[in-house]
Protein backbone atom coordinates (compact mmCIF):
# COMPACT_ATOMS: atom_id res chain seq x y z
CA MET A 1 64.27 23.18 20.53
CA ARG A 2 64.66 19.91 19.59
CA ILE A 3 61.89 16.98 19.68
CA GLU A 4 62.73 12.91 19.88
CA PRO A 5 60.52 10.43 20.71
CA TYR A 6 60.31 9.51 24.77
CA ASP A 7 63.34 7.45 25.80
CA LYS A 8 63.32 5.40 29.44
CA SER A 9 66.39 6.55 30.33
CA GLN A 10 64.89 9.99 29.49
CA LEU A 11 62.55 9.86 32.88
CA ASP A 12 64.69 10.96 35.75
CA ALA A 13 65.53 14.65 33.96
CA ILE A 14 62.05 14.81 32.64
CA ASN A 15 61.26 14.28 36.89
CA SER A 16 63.36 16.67 37.53
CA LEU A 17 62.02 19.03 35.84
CA SER A 18 58.36 18.48 36.85
CA LEU A 19 60.03 18.94 40.00
CA ARG A 20 61.55 21.97 39.20
CA THR A 21 58.44 23.50 37.27
CA TRP A 22 55.71 21.75 40.33
CA THR A 23 57.64 23.12 43.71
CA PRO A 24 57.22 26.64 43.67
CA VAL A 25 53.61 26.08 42.11
CA PHE A 26 53.12 24.15 45.07
CA ASP A 27 54.47 26.28 48.36
CA SER A 28 53.09 29.37 46.74
CA ILE A 29 49.21 27.30 46.90
CA GLN A 30 50.36 26.10 50.54
CA GLN A 31 50.99 29.74 51.88
CA VAL A 32 47.84 31.08 51.05
CA MET A 33 45.84 28.33 51.91
CA ASP A 34 43.90 27.20 55.01
CA PHE A 35 46.77 24.63 56.00
CA GLY A 36 43.70 21.51 56.21
CA VAL A 37 42.08 22.85 53.17
CA TYR A 38 45.89 22.76 51.20
CA HIS A 39 45.84 18.87 52.97
CA SER A 40 42.51 17.82 51.93
CA PHE A 41 43.70 19.17 48.32
CA TYR A 42 46.74 17.30 48.56
CA PRO A 43 46.80 14.37 51.06
CA LYS A 44 50.13 12.43 49.94
CA ASP A 45 52.84 13.96 48.84
CA TRP A 46 52.45 16.40 45.96
CA ALA A 47 56.16 15.29 44.50
CA VAL A 48 55.67 11.63 45.10
CA THR A 49 52.47 11.63 43.32
CA ASP A 50 53.59 13.76 40.08
CA ARG A 51 56.21 11.01 39.80
CA GLN A 52 53.53 8.45 40.05
CA VAL A 53 52.17 10.72 37.59
CA LEU A 54 54.58 10.58 35.34
CA GLN A 55 55.29 7.42 35.20
CA GLU A 56 52.14 6.65 34.69
CA VAL A 57 51.65 9.04 31.48
CA VAL A 58 54.81 8.21 29.80
CA GLY A 59 54.88 4.20 30.73
CA ALA A 60 51.42 4.59 27.97
CA GLY A 61 53.87 5.97 26.09
CA VAL A 62 56.10 3.32 25.67
């Protein structure tokens, strides 16, 4: 493993990794949770929100 400083050019790769990681989690939660309850916890498209949060987090470190 090699750890290196973040570079803005890596944002798409990091976002892709995040989506691959979280998609099965959100899919499984949605399958077992009532539709209305799920959408009260996650009212927006979680992938859009995930990308926005990711951009804020990495942007704060740059």
